[in-house]
Protein backbone atom coordinates (compact mmCIF):
# COMPACT_ATOMS: atom_id res chain seq x y z
CA MET A 1 34.00 6.61 17.35
CA ALA A 2 33.47 10.20 18.60
CA SER A 3 31.36 12.34 16.31
CA PHE A 4 29.67 15.77 16.78
CA VAL A 5 32.11 16.48 19.62
CA SER A 6 30.89 19.23 21.97
CA ARG A 7 32.97 22.25 22.97
CA ALA A 8 33.44 20.94 26.44
CA ALA A 9 34.72 17.60 25.06
CA ARG A 10 37.08 19.31 22.68
CA GLU A 11 38.47 21.39 25.46
CA ALA A 12 38.93 18.21 27.53
CA GLY A 13 41.02 16.69 24.73
CA VAL A 14 38.54 14.66 22.65
CA SER A 15 38.65 15.18 18.80
CA GLU A 16 36.39 14.22 16.05
CA ARG A 17 36.67 10.55 14.98
CA ASP A 18 38.57 9.61 18.07
CA VAL A 19 38.12 5.98 19.10
CA ILE A 20 36.46 5.69 22.47
CA THR A 21 37.74 2.64 24.34
CA HIS A 22 36.52 3.14 27.87
CA VAL A 23 33.78 5.30 29.74
CA ASN A 24 34.27 5.94 33.46
CA GLY A 25 36.67 2.98 33.45
CA ARG A 26 34.40 0.51 31.85
CA PRO A 27 35.39 -0.91 28.42
CA LEU A 28 33.07 0.34 25.76
CA ALA A 29 31.66 -3.10 24.78
CA GLY A 30 28.42 -1.56 23.37
CA LYS A 31 26.54 1.69 23.05
CA ALA A 32 24.73 1.09 26.37
CA VAL A 33 27.87 1.57 28.43
CA PHE A 34 27.98 5.14 27.29
CA GLY A 35 24.25 5.58 27.75
CA GLU A 36 24.20 4.20 31.19
CA ALA A 37 27.00 6.55 32.21
CA VAL A 38 24.99 9.52 30.89
CA ALA A 39 21.75 8.30 32.51
CA HIS A 40 23.46 8.18 36.01
CA ALA A 41 25.42 11.39 35.62
CA LYS A 42 24.37 14.60 37.35
CA SER A 43 25.00 18.15 36.39
CA GLY A 44 28.38 19.02 37.56
CA ASP A 45 29.77 15.50 37.32
CA LYS A 46 32.66 14.60 35.02
CA LEU A 47 32.51 11.95 32.42
CA GLU A 48 35.83 10.15 32.07
CA VAL A 49 36.35 9.05 28.53
CA THR A 50 39.39 7.17 27.39
CA VAL A 51 40.16 7.72 23.70
CA ARG A 52 42.90 7.16 21.09
CA SER A 53 43.55 8.64 17.75
CA PRO A 54 42.12 6.58 14.80
CA VAL A 55 45.59 6.44 13.35
CA GLY A 56 47.47 5.88 16.64
CA THR A 57 47.76 3.53 19.60
CA ASN A 58 48.39 5.90 22.45
CA GLU A 59 45.43 6.40 24.73
CA HIS A 60 44.54 9.30 27.02
CA THR A 61 41.58 9.95 29.38
CA ALA A 62 39.52 13.11 29.11
CA ALA A 63 37.43 14.40 31.96
CA ILE A 64 34.31 16.07 30.29
CA PRO A 65 32.01 18.14 32.51
CA PHE A 66 28.51 16.90 32.32
CA VAL A 67 25.79 19.59 31.89
CA ALA A 68 22.18 18.38 31.90
CA ALA A 69 20.13 19.48 28.92
CA SER A 70 17.66 21.22 31.14
CA ALA A 71 20.50 23.50 32.24
CA THR A 72 21.02 24.95 28.76
CA VAL A 73 18.33 26.93 26.92
CA ASP A 74 19.29 27.88 23.44
CA TRP A 75 18.30 27.23 19.83
CA THR A 76 20.20 23.95 19.76
CA LEU A 77 18.03 22.60 22.52
CA ALA A 78 14.89 23.87 20.85
CA ALA A 79 15.86 22.16 17.59
CA VAL A 80 16.65 18.84 19.51
CA VAL A 81 13.13 19.00 21.20
CA ILE A 82 11.48 19.65 17.77
CA LEU A 83 13.32 16.98 16.06
CA LYS A 84 13.28 14.28 18.79
CA VAL A 85 9.89 15.02 20.48
CA VAL A 86 7.59 17.22 18.48
CA LEU A 87 8.20 15.65 14.95
CA PRO A 88 7.86 11.98 16.14
CA VAL A 89 4.65 12.75 18.10
CA VAL A 90 3.00 14.61 15.14
CA CYS A 91 3.95 11.92 12.67
CA ILE A 92 2.73 9.05 14.94
CA LEU A 93 -0.59 10.73 15.80
CA LEU A 94 -1.34 11.77 12.20
CA GLY A 95 -0.40 8.40 10.85
CA PHE A 96 -2.56 6.42 13.20
CA TRP A 97 -5.44 8.98 12.67
CA VAL A 98 -5.28 8.32 8.92
CA ALA A 99 -5.38 4.44 9.51
CA PHE A 100 -8.12 4.89 11.96
CA VAL A 101 -10.27 6.98 9.56
CA ARG A 102 -9.59 4.66 6.58
CA PRO A 103 -8.88 1.15 7.98
CA ARG A 104 -9.75 -0.50 4.65
CA ASP A 105 -7.62 1.60 2.42
CA PHE A 106 -4.08 0.14 1.77
CA ALA A 107 -2.94 3.69 0.99
CA ALA A 108 -3.70 4.84 4.58
CA TRP A 109 -1.47 2.05 6.13
CA LEU A 110 1.26 2.94 3.60
CA LEU A 111 1.07 6.50 4.67
CA LEU A 112 1.21 5.34 8.36
CA GLY A 113 4.42 3.42 7.47
CA VAL A 114 5.88 6.65 5.78
CA LEU A 115 5.04 8.73 8.79
CA LEU A 116 6.45 6.22 11.24
CA GLY A 117 9.59 6.15 9.31
CA LEU A 118 9.88 9.90 9.43
CA SER A 119 9.32 9.68 13.20
CA CYS A 120 12.50 7.77 13.42
CA LEU A 121 14.80 9.84 11.14
CA VAL A 122 16.56 11.48 14.17
CA THR A 123 17.56 9.02 16.97
CA ALA A 124 16.45 9.70 20.49
CA GLY A 125 19.49 8.60 22.43
CA VAL A 126 17.80 5.26 23.46
CA GLU A 127 20.98 3.70 24.80
CA SER A 128 20.40 5.41 28.04
CA TRP A 129 16.83 4.13 28.53
CA GLY A 130 17.59 1.03 30.54
CA ARG A 131 17.85 -2.67 29.72
CA GLY A 132 14.87 -4.13 27.72
CA VAL A 133 13.41 -0.75 26.94
CA ARG A 134 16.30 0.39 24.85
CA GLU A 135 16.45 -2.90 22.85
CA LEU A 136 12.78 -2.55 22.14
CA ALA A 137 13.14 1.07 21.08
CA THR A 138 16.06 0.15 18.91
CA PHE A 139 13.98 -2.61 17.21
CA TYR A 140 11.20 -0.16 16.50
CA SER A 141 13.42 2.61 15.24
CA ALA A 142 15.39 0.18 12.98
CA MET A 143 12.23 -1.45 11.63
CA MET A 144 10.49 1.86 10.92
CA SER A 145 13.62 3.18 9.13
CA MET A 146 13.68 -0.05 7.05
CA LEU A 147 10.01 0.31 6.04
CA TRP A 148 10.14 4.06 5.16
CA PRO A 149 11.81 3.72 1.74
CA VAL A 150 9.62 0.70 0.90
CA CYS A 151 6.43 2.53 1.87
CA MET A 152 7.47 5.59 -0.07
CA LEU A 153 8.23 3.43 -3.18
CA LEU A 154 4.81 1.63 -2.95
CA LEU A 155 2.94 4.88 -2.24
CA GLY A 156 4.50 6.36 -5.29
CA LEU A 157 3.42 3.42 -7.50
CA TYR A 158 -0.16 3.22 -6.43
CA PHE A 159 -1.34 6.53 -4.96
CA PRO A 160 -3.55 8.15 -5.90
CA GLU A 161 -3.96 5.62 -8.54
CA ALA A 162 -1.98 2.65 -9.87
CA PHE A 163 0.98 3.69 -12.07
CA PRO A 164 0.14 2.82 -15.61
CA PRO A 165 1.78 -0.56 -16.14
CA ALA A 166 2.00 -0.08 -19.94
CA ARG A 167 4.36 2.80 -19.47
CA ALA A 168 6.73 1.06 -17.11
CA ARG A 169 6.14 -2.58 -16.96
CA ILE A 170 9.89 -3.35 -16.44
CA TRP A 171 10.21 -0.73 -13.69
CA LEU A 172 7.16 -2.07 -11.86
CA TRP A 173 8.60 -5.62 -12.09
CA LEU A 174 11.95 -4.48 -10.77
CA ALA A 175 10.39 -2.41 -7.95
CA LYS A 176 8.15 -5.24 -6.66
CA ARG A 177 10.45 -8.23 -7.36
CA VAL A 178 13.88 -6.95 -6.85
CA LEU A 179 14.01 -3.54 -5.02
CA VAL A 180 11.52 -4.13 -2.26
CA PRO A 181 12.93 -7.69 -1.28
CA LEU A 182 16.49 -6.24 -1.24
CA LEU A 183 15.51 -3.33 1.00
CA VAL A 184 13.58 -5.58 3.38
CA ALA A 185 16.37 -8.11 3.58
CA ASP A 186 18.91 -5.39 4.22
CA GLY A 187 16.52 -3.82 6.77
CA LEU A 188 16.34 -7.05 8.69
CA VAL A 189 20.14 -7.28 8.86
CA GLU A 190 20.21 -3.70 10.06
CA ILE A 191 17.77 -4.55 12.87
CA VAL A 192 20.05 -7.38 14.03
CA ILE A 193 23.12 -5.13 13.92
CA ALA A 194 21.47 -2.27 15.76
CA ILE A 195 20.26 -4.36 18.60
CA GLY A 196 23.67 -6.18 18.78
CA ARG A 197 25.65 -3.02 18.96
CA MET A 198 23.57 -1.88 21.94
CA ASP A 199 25.14 -4.29 24.35
CA ASN A 200 28.04 -5.98 22.61
CA TYR A 201 29.84 -4.66 19.45
CA ALA A 202 31.75 -7.95 19.00
CA SER A 203 28.56 -10.09 18.66
CA VAL A 204 27.71 -8.46 15.33
CA ALA A 205 31.20 -7.55 14.10
CA ARG A 206 31.27 -10.26 11.39
CA LEU A 207 27.80 -9.38 10.16
CA GLU A 208 28.82 -5.65 10.03
CA ALA A 209 32.04 -6.59 8.15
CA PHE A 210 30.01 -8.68 5.71
CA ARG A 211 27.55 -5.89 5.01
CA ARG A 212 29.92 -3.06 4.76
CA PRO A 213 31.00 -3.46 1.18
CA PHE A 214 27.46 -3.43 0.15
CA GLU A 215 26.50 -0.22 2.11
CA PRO A 216 27.09 2.24 -0.81
CA GLY A 217 24.83 0.20 -3.23
CA LEU A 218 22.12 -0.28 -0.68
CA PHE A 219 22.14 3.47 0.10
CA VAL A 220 21.61 4.18 -3.62
CA LEU A 221 18.75 1.75 -3.73
CA SER A 222 17.20 3.53 -0.80
CA LEU A 223 17.49 6.81 -2.51
CA ILE A 224 15.93 5.28 -5.61
CA ALA A 225 12.97 4.01 -3.64
CA ILE A 226 12.40 7.34 -1.95
CA GLY A 227 13.03 9.33 -5.13
CA SER A 228 10.61 7.31 -7.12
CA PHE A 229 7.65 8.66 -5.08
CA PHE A 230 8.57 12.17 -5.99
CA ARG A 231 9.33 11.32 -9.61
CA VAL A 232 5.96 9.57 -10.11
CA HIS A 233 3.93 12.36 -8.50
CA LEU A 234 5.85 15.16 -10.24
CA GLY A 235 4.85 13.49 -13.51
CA GLN A 236 1.37 13.25 -12.60
CA ILE A 237 1.24 16.94 -11.67
CA VAL A 238 2.88 17.87 -14.96
CA HIS A 239 0.39 15.85 -16.87
CA GLY A 240 -2.59 17.50 -15.15
CA GLY A 241 -3.07 15.16 -12.34
CA PHE A 242 -2.64 17.64 -9.55
CA GLY A 243 -6.41 17.79 -8.87
CA ARG A 244 -6.60 14.02 -8.47
CA CYS A 245 -3.64 13.98 -6.17
CA GLN A 246 -5.04 16.80 -4.11
CA ALA A 247 -8.41 15.19 -3.76
CA ALA A 248 -6.92 11.79 -2.99
CA VAL A 249 -4.72 13.15 -0.21
CA ALA A 250 -7.71 15.00 1.28
CA ALA A 251 -9.88 11.87 1.05
CA THR A 252 -7.12 9.78 2.63
CA LEU A 253 -6.91 12.18 5.63
CA VAL A 254 -10.76 12.73 6.33
CA GLY A 255 -12.64 10.12 4.28
CA ASP A 256 -14.18 9.85 0.78
CA GLU A 257 -17.74 10.78 1.75
CA CYS A 258 -17.59 14.44 1.59
CA PHE A 259 -15.71 14.45 -1.79
CA HIS A 260 -18.23 11.95 -3.31
CA GLY A 261 -20.92 14.46 -2.37
CA ALA A 262 -19.08 17.11 -4.31
CA GLY A 263 -18.84 15.06 -7.37
CA VAL A 264 -15.19 14.00 -6.99
CA PRO A 265 -14.70 10.41 -7.72
CA PRO A 266 -12.72 8.30 -5.13
CA GLY A 267 -9.10 8.25 -6.32
CA CYS A 268 -7.30 6.17 -3.77
CA ASP A 269 -9.08 2.83 -3.68
CA TRP A 270 -6.27 0.18 -4.13
CA PRO A 271 -6.24 -2.60 -6.63
CA ASN A 272 -5.92 -6.07 -5.22
């Protein structure tokens, strides 16, 4: 289905939410068909896309002029570079640095998971990367996207110190025994669907149809998991825990030693 249709595509006759059936004469069996067509196109070529209206059956072919990204310099391109290149690189480097500095701290590894998840918030157009590489990239992106809400939830429960179980015993039980398993199970399904859609939509059509009725509820669960991190830490700040949070974040990034010497107790050692 066509989305975020460019001006050139609109002028060629493609509308938002049109159903794409063929690309350069090839049936659109999977996302890779479109990706390969883009990868082999040169500036000045025309991409022939056969589409039909989502409510109709008549098809028509639109010839869309292909313009390489390097041929356009504007704020849109700058935003794409920041979101698809700069942000992922910074998140990955920072995450692995924290894990390298504090390899025995579980909080550091959870922070790595959060940052790797952030690096995958914006897709990089991996369908044009070539067979094998695109499947590996899709697996990585889907897995990190799955782990992001889980890591946010656990980081909120235990960082910089364990959430007092006496206050929320039921919530802790639900988070660990219900919410995390559901998110992980759904994430595994999403990984299978994402990889299957790359080469053959039909191969995962039944699995997608089975999951579709649960999507709104699963989305809400993800929001709850992510939101719990901010809810817990907002409560800690309101109740005078800002200093502990600040010291624990700094200790996670550069190590405990300098903070111990200043008389600040370690705040991010994790319970077993």
